[in-house]
């Protein structure tokens, strides 16, 4: 049970209307459903689900080892806990873009992106990536567009060409992907404002900017991306990185000191956790087993 108010169609239509508004939408990455609830509570515009994060969560590198079944199952768990639209990384389309789109639509997602790397893909901010041809990617996009049943499900074409072929060929690919029917373009690994701006000048579609840490792109803030004319920004791995750094530091402290007394202040309290999972909403009147109040808990 989750206390959401919007159904899938309402989330998708509100996402489309928000894109039309012209303001920059901010979609932090959620590494689990609980972090998605936090993203929603704080007031962000949507939730992003990174394929790299899901691979990492399974203890795997982001090299195309995860499956459509794994990605879609986890994505459905995340999207159903919030009224925000959720978009997911569909890697290279899992060999069948039509099946991928149909599956993700059924799972309640608001959109997904498919990239133009070979199946043994790599993180977009690593070197030595390999691309499929522009023509093969056009076929993937057309298959994706033809497979959707809800026109508000957003098809995002990601191109990794910038660090492989350079910006001029990236722009050629973007034009072809837009002509193929992509609703949004995700130009991966843009280096700086100049490259982001050049893409905006030639693009006729919505544009997604990836502000991932430790990568090839300069980290631009909200106002800078708005001035550049971008429509959506993702922070794909930020929450997982924050969580894992704190977990690692905490475990090292326990191992060294023998207890967790020195790290209590770094922890989310029991009270805050129960507020986030909306514990009290599950109460049944006069049922002492389920009745609960956050009052008196730290």
Protein backbone atom coordinates (compact mmCIF):
# COMPACT_ATOMS: atom_id res chain seq x y z
CA UNK A 1 0.00 0.00 0.00
CA UNK A 2 1.27 3.45 -0.92
CA UNK A 3 -0.54 6.72 -0.32
CA UNK A 4 -0.16 8.19 -3.79
CA UNK A 5 -2.86 10.22 -5.52
CA UNK A 6 -1.96 10.13 -9.22
CA UNK A 7 -2.28 7.19 -11.55
CA UNK A 8 0.25 6.46 -14.28
CA UNK A 9 -1.59 8.41 -16.97
CA UNK A 10 -1.86 11.46 -14.72
CA UNK A 11 1.84 11.36 -13.91
CA UNK A 12 2.73 11.16 -17.60
CA UNK A 13 0.41 13.96 -18.64
CA UNK A 14 1.64 16.24 -15.85
CA UNK A 15 5.21 15.51 -16.96
CA UNK A 16 4.40 16.56 -20.52
CA UNK A 17 2.71 19.74 -19.30
CA UNK A 18 5.71 20.55 -17.13
CA UNK A 19 8.01 20.15 -20.12
CA UNK A 20 5.85 22.53 -22.11
CA UNK A 21 6.19 25.15 -19.36
CA UNK A 22 9.78 25.85 -20.41
CA UNK A 23 11.20 25.66 -16.90
CA UNK A 24 14.09 23.38 -16.04
CA UNK A 25 12.87 20.16 -14.42
CA UNK A 26 15.14 18.51 -11.86
CA UNK A 27 15.19 14.71 -11.55
CA UNK A 28 17.58 13.32 -8.91
CA UNK A 29 18.44 9.65 -9.15
CA UNK A 30 16.70 7.25 -6.78
CA UNK A 31 18.62 4.13 -5.82
CA UNK A 32 15.59 2.61 -4.03
CA UNK A 33 11.91 3.43 -3.35
CA UNK A 34 12.68 5.14 -0.03
CA UNK A 35 15.03 7.62 -1.67
CA UNK A 36 12.32 8.31 -4.27
CA UNK A 37 9.93 9.24 -1.46
CA UNK A 38 12.54 11.65 -0.12
CA UNK A 39 13.02 13.21 -3.57
CA UNK A 40 9.27 13.78 -3.74
CA UNK A 41 8.96 15.18 -0.22
CA UNK A 42 11.74 17.71 -0.77
CA UNK A 43 9.94 19.05 -3.82
CA UNK A 44 11.83 17.96 -6.92
CA UNK A 45 10.04 17.65 -10.25
CA UNK A 46 10.62 13.98 -10.92
CA UNK A 47 12.65 10.84 -10.28
CA UNK A 48 15.41 9.37 -12.42
CA UNK A 49 16.52 5.73 -12.30
CA UNK A 50 20.06 5.12 -13.50
CA UNK A 51 21.04 1.86 -15.14
CA UNK A 52 24.51 2.27 -13.68
CA UNK A 53 23.08 2.67 -10.19
CA UNK A 54 20.96 -0.45 -10.55
CA UNK A 55 23.96 -2.40 -11.79
CA UNK A 56 26.04 -1.09 -8.89
CA UNK A 57 23.28 -2.04 -6.46
CA UNK A 58 23.66 -5.62 -7.69
CA UNK A 59 27.41 -5.42 -7.20
CA UNK A 60 28.02 -5.24 -10.96
CA UNK A 61 29.79 -2.76 -13.24
CA UNK A 62 27.74 -0.79 -15.75
CA UNK A 63 28.70 -2.80 -18.84
CA UNK A 64 25.38 -4.16 -20.04
CA UNK A 65 25.07 -7.09 -17.63
CA UNK A 66 21.65 -6.20 -16.23
CA UNK A 67 18.46 -7.41 -17.91
CA UNK A 68 15.14 -5.84 -18.86
CA UNK A 69 13.46 -7.94 -16.19
CA UNK A 70 15.79 -6.67 -13.47
CA UNK A 71 15.54 -3.04 -14.55
CA UNK A 72 11.78 -2.99 -15.05
CA UNK A 73 11.07 -4.72 -11.74
CA UNK A 74 13.18 -2.29 -9.74
CA UNK A 75 11.82 0.67 -11.69
CA UNK A 76 8.24 -0.35 -10.96
CA UNK A 77 9.04 -0.55 -7.23
CA UNK A 78 10.43 2.98 -7.32
CA UNK A 79 7.80 4.69 -9.46
CA UNK A 80 4.80 3.37 -7.55
CA UNK A 81 5.75 5.07 -4.24
CA UNK A 82 5.52 8.65 -5.53
CA UNK A 83 3.25 10.93 -7.53
CA UNK A 84 6.25 12.26 -9.43
CA UNK A 85 6.95 11.15 -13.01
CA UNK A 86 9.80 8.66 -13.21
CA UNK A 87 12.14 8.08 -16.15
CA UNK A 88 14.49 5.14 -16.42
CA UNK A 89 17.73 4.31 -18.18
CA UNK A 90 17.01 1.50 -20.66
CA UNK A 91 20.65 1.12 -21.73
CA UNK A 92 20.82 0.04 -25.38
CA UNK A 93 17.24 -1.23 -25.45
CA UNK A 94 17.92 -4.80 -24.27
CA UNK A 95 18.06 -6.14 -27.86
CA UNK A 96 14.37 -5.47 -28.49
CA UNK A 97 13.25 -1.85 -28.21
CA UNK A 98 9.61 -2.69 -28.89
CA UNK A 99 9.48 -5.13 -25.99
CA UNK A 100 11.41 -2.74 -23.77
CA UNK A 101 9.00 0.13 -24.34
CA UNK A 102 5.94 -2.08 -23.87
CA UNK A 103 7.36 -3.46 -20.63
CA UNK A 104 8.30 -0.08 -19.17
CA UNK A 105 4.94 1.41 -20.11
CA UNK A 106 3.19 -1.45 -18.33
CA UNK A 107 5.36 -0.89 -15.23
CA UNK A 108 4.16 2.71 -14.90
CA UNK A 109 7.19 4.69 -16.04
CA UNK A 110 6.80 8.14 -17.61
CA UNK A 111 9.62 7.66 -20.10
CA UNK A 112 12.98 6.09 -20.78
CA UNK A 113 16.17 6.70 -22.70
CA UNK A 114 17.94 4.40 -25.11
CA UNK A 115 21.55 4.97 -26.14
CA UNK A 116 23.57 4.47 -29.30
CA UNK A 117 26.37 2.36 -27.83
CA UNK A 118 27.00 -1.30 -28.69
CA UNK A 119 25.40 -3.85 -26.36
CA UNK A 120 28.56 -4.22 -24.26
CA UNK A 121 28.14 -0.60 -23.27
CA UNK A 122 30.06 1.49 -20.77
CA UNK A 123 29.29 4.34 -18.43
CA UNK A 124 28.81 7.44 -20.56
CA UNK A 125 31.70 9.24 -18.89
CA UNK A 126 34.32 6.56 -19.48
CA UNK A 127 36.67 6.35 -22.46
CA UNK A 128 36.80 3.65 -25.14
CA UNK A 129 33.08 3.53 -25.86
CA UNK A 130 31.87 2.00 -29.12
CA UNK A 131 28.83 3.15 -31.06
CA UNK A 132 26.35 1.53 -33.37
CA UNK A 133 25.74 3.30 -36.67
CA UNK A 134 23.46 6.30 -36.91
CA UNK A 135 21.17 4.28 -39.16
CA UNK A 136 20.87 1.40 -36.68
CA UNK A 137 20.02 3.82 -33.89
CA UNK A 138 17.34 5.44 -36.05
CA UNK A 139 15.73 2.00 -36.41
CA UNK A 140 15.78 1.58 -32.61
CA UNK A 141 14.09 4.93 -32.10
CA UNK A 142 11.42 4.20 -34.69
CA UNK A 143 10.75 0.82 -33.07
CA UNK A 144 10.46 2.48 -29.67
CA UNK A 145 8.07 5.15 -30.90
CA UNK A 146 5.88 2.63 -32.73
CA UNK A 147 5.67 0.38 -29.67
CA UNK A 148 4.27 2.89 -27.20
CA UNK A 149 0.54 3.04 -26.64
CA UNK A 150 0.49 6.24 -24.57
CA UNK A 151 1.64 9.28 -26.55
CA UNK A 152 2.72 10.87 -23.25
CA UNK A 153 5.34 8.19 -22.63
CA UNK A 154 8.51 10.12 -23.44
CA UNK A 155 11.06 8.48 -25.75
CA UNK A 156 14.53 9.89 -25.04
CA UNK A 157 17.40 9.27 -27.45
CA UNK A 158 20.80 9.35 -25.81
CA UNK A 159 23.90 9.79 -27.92
CA UNK A 160 27.37 8.95 -26.64
CA UNK A 161 29.02 10.22 -29.81
CA UNK A 162 30.69 13.32 -28.38
CA UNK A 163 33.62 11.54 -26.75
CA UNK A 164 33.89 9.05 -29.64
CA UNK A 165 33.27 10.97 -32.87
CA UNK A 166 33.27 14.61 -31.75
CA UNK A 167 30.61 17.29 -31.54
CA UNK A 168 29.95 17.74 -35.27
CA UNK A 169 29.00 14.09 -35.74
CA UNK A 170 27.06 14.21 -32.48
CA UNK A 171 24.98 16.99 -33.97
CA UNK A 172 24.41 14.94 -37.14
CA UNK A 173 23.17 12.06 -34.99
CA UNK A 174 20.90 14.33 -32.96
CA UNK A 175 19.22 15.63 -36.11
CA UNK A 176 18.65 12.08 -37.34
CA UNK A 177 17.30 10.92 -33.99
CA UNK A 178 14.86 13.82 -33.85
CA UNK A 179 13.67 13.07 -37.39
CA UNK A 180 13.13 9.45 -36.29
CA UNK A 181 10.64 10.62 -33.65
CA UNK A 182 12.52 11.01 -30.39
CA UNK A 183 10.71 13.36 -28.00
CA UNK A 184 13.86 14.35 -26.11
CA UNK A 185 17.59 14.24 -26.75
CA UNK A 186 20.17 13.29 -24.15
CA UNK A 187 23.61 14.44 -25.38
CA UNK A 188 25.96 12.56 -23.09
CA UNK A 189 29.35 13.82 -21.86
CA UNK A 190 29.09 17.42 -23.03
CA UNK A 191 32.21 19.12 -21.72
CA UNK A 192 31.13 22.71 -21.01
CA UNK A 193 28.63 25.49 -21.64
CA UNK A 194 29.80 25.93 -25.22
CA UNK A 195 28.97 22.35 -26.17
CA UNK A 196 25.64 22.40 -24.37
CA UNK A 197 24.80 25.64 -26.18
CA UNK A 198 25.72 24.30 -29.63
CA UNK A 199 23.39 21.35 -29.14
CA UNK A 200 20.56 23.62 -28.03
CA UNK A 201 20.94 25.80 -31.12
CA UNK A 202 20.40 22.91 -33.54
CA UNK A 203 17.91 20.84 -31.57
CA UNK A 204 14.16 21.03 -32.14
CA UNK A 205 13.26 18.80 -29.20
CA UNK A 206 13.43 18.83 -25.42
CA UNK A 207 16.97 18.44 -24.09
CA UNK A 208 18.28 16.52 -21.08
CA UNK A 209 21.50 17.47 -19.29
CA UNK A 210 23.41 14.94 -17.20
CA UNK A 211 25.09 16.50 -14.16
CA UNK A 212 26.96 13.48 -12.85
CA UNK A 213 29.91 13.88 -10.51
CA UNK A 214 33.48 12.87 -11.39
CA UNK A 215 32.67 12.81 -15.10
CA UNK A 216 33.54 14.65 -18.29
CA UNK A 217 30.91 17.38 -17.95
CA UNK A 218 31.40 20.59 -16.03
CA UNK A 219 28.85 20.69 -13.21
CA UNK A 220 26.46 23.51 -14.06
CA UNK A 221 23.85 24.86 -11.69
CA UNK A 222 20.13 25.26 -12.26
CA UNK A 223 20.24 28.86 -13.46
CA UNK A 224 23.07 28.13 -15.91
CA UNK A 225 21.19 25.22 -17.46
CA UNK A 226 18.02 27.29 -17.68
CA UNK A 227 19.88 30.04 -19.54
CA UNK A 228 21.24 27.41 -21.93
CA UNK A 229 17.67 26.35 -22.70
CA UNK A 230 17.74 22.83 -21.28
CA UNK A 231 14.48 21.26 -20.20
CA UNK A 232 15.52 18.54 -17.76
CA UNK A 233 18.56 17.79 -15.62
CA UNK A 234 19.39 14.49 -13.95
CA UNK A 235 21.69 13.84 -11.00
CA UNK A 236 21.90 10.09 -11.62
CA UNK A 237 24.32 8.66 -9.05
CA UNK A 238 24.34 11.44 -6.44
CA UNK A 239 22.10 9.79 -3.86
CA UNK A 240 23.86 6.44 -4.11
CA UNK A 241 27.26 8.11 -3.77
CA UNK A 242 26.10 10.06 -0.73
CA UNK A 243 24.66 6.96 0.89
CA UNK A 244 27.61 4.67 0.18
CA UNK A 245 30.19 7.19 1.41
CA UNK A 246 28.33 7.56 4.69
CA UNK A 247 27.83 3.80 5.04
CA UNK A 248 31.51 3.13 4.36
CA UNK A 249 32.67 5.75 6.87
CA UNK A 250 30.24 4.45 9.47
CA UNK A 251 31.25 0.82 9.09
CA UNK A 252 34.91 1.74 9.37
CA UNK A 253 34.17 3.64 12.57
CA UNK A 254 32.35 0.67 14.09
CA UNK A 255 35.15 -1.67 13.07
CA UNK A 256 37.75 0.61 14.64
CA UNK A 257 35.91 1.76 17.78
CA UNK A 258 33.74 -1.23 18.56
CA UNK A 259 30.47 0.69 18.67
CA UNK A 260 28.46 3.30 16.75
CA UNK A 261 28.37 6.02 19.39
CA UNK A 262 30.64 8.32 17.37
CA UNK A 263 28.43 8.21 14.29
CA UNK A 264 24.90 8.50 15.70
CA UNK A 265 24.66 12.12 14.53
CA UNK A 266 25.27 10.97 10.94
CA UNK A 267 22.24 8.67 11.01
CA UNK A 268 18.65 9.25 10.04
CA UNK A 269 16.63 8.94 13.24
CA UNK A 270 13.94 6.35 13.83
CA UNK A 271 11.36 9.15 13.99
CA UNK A 272 12.43 10.61 10.64
CA UNK A 273 12.43 7.20 8.97
CA UNK A 274 8.91 6.45 10.20
CA UNK A 275 7.71 9.85 8.98
CA UNK A 276 9.12 9.12 5.54
CA UNK A 277 7.49 5.70 5.23
CA UNK A 278 4.22 7.26 6.53
CA UNK A 279 3.97 4.74 9.34
CA UNK A 280 0.98 6.31 11.05
CA UNK A 281 -1.17 6.14 7.90
CA UNK A 282 -1.15 2.35 8.21
CA UNK A 283 -2.80 2.49 11.63
CA UNK A 284 -6.08 0.68 12.21
CA UNK A 285 -8.37 2.31 14.81
CA UNK A 286 -8.29 0.51 18.16
CA UNK A 287 -5.81 -2.08 16.95
CA UNK A 288 -2.91 -1.96 19.37
CA UNK A 289 -0.66 -4.10 17.20
CA UNK A 290 -0.69 -1.72 14.23
CA UNK A 291 -1.38 1.60 15.95
CA UNK A 292 1.74 3.72 16.05
CA UNK A 293 2.76 7.32 16.67
CA UNK A 294 6.07 8.98 15.91
CA UNK A 295 5.68 11.06 19.08
CA UNK A 296 8.26 10.14 21.69
CA UNK A 297 10.68 8.66 19.17
CA UNK A 298 13.95 10.32 18.28
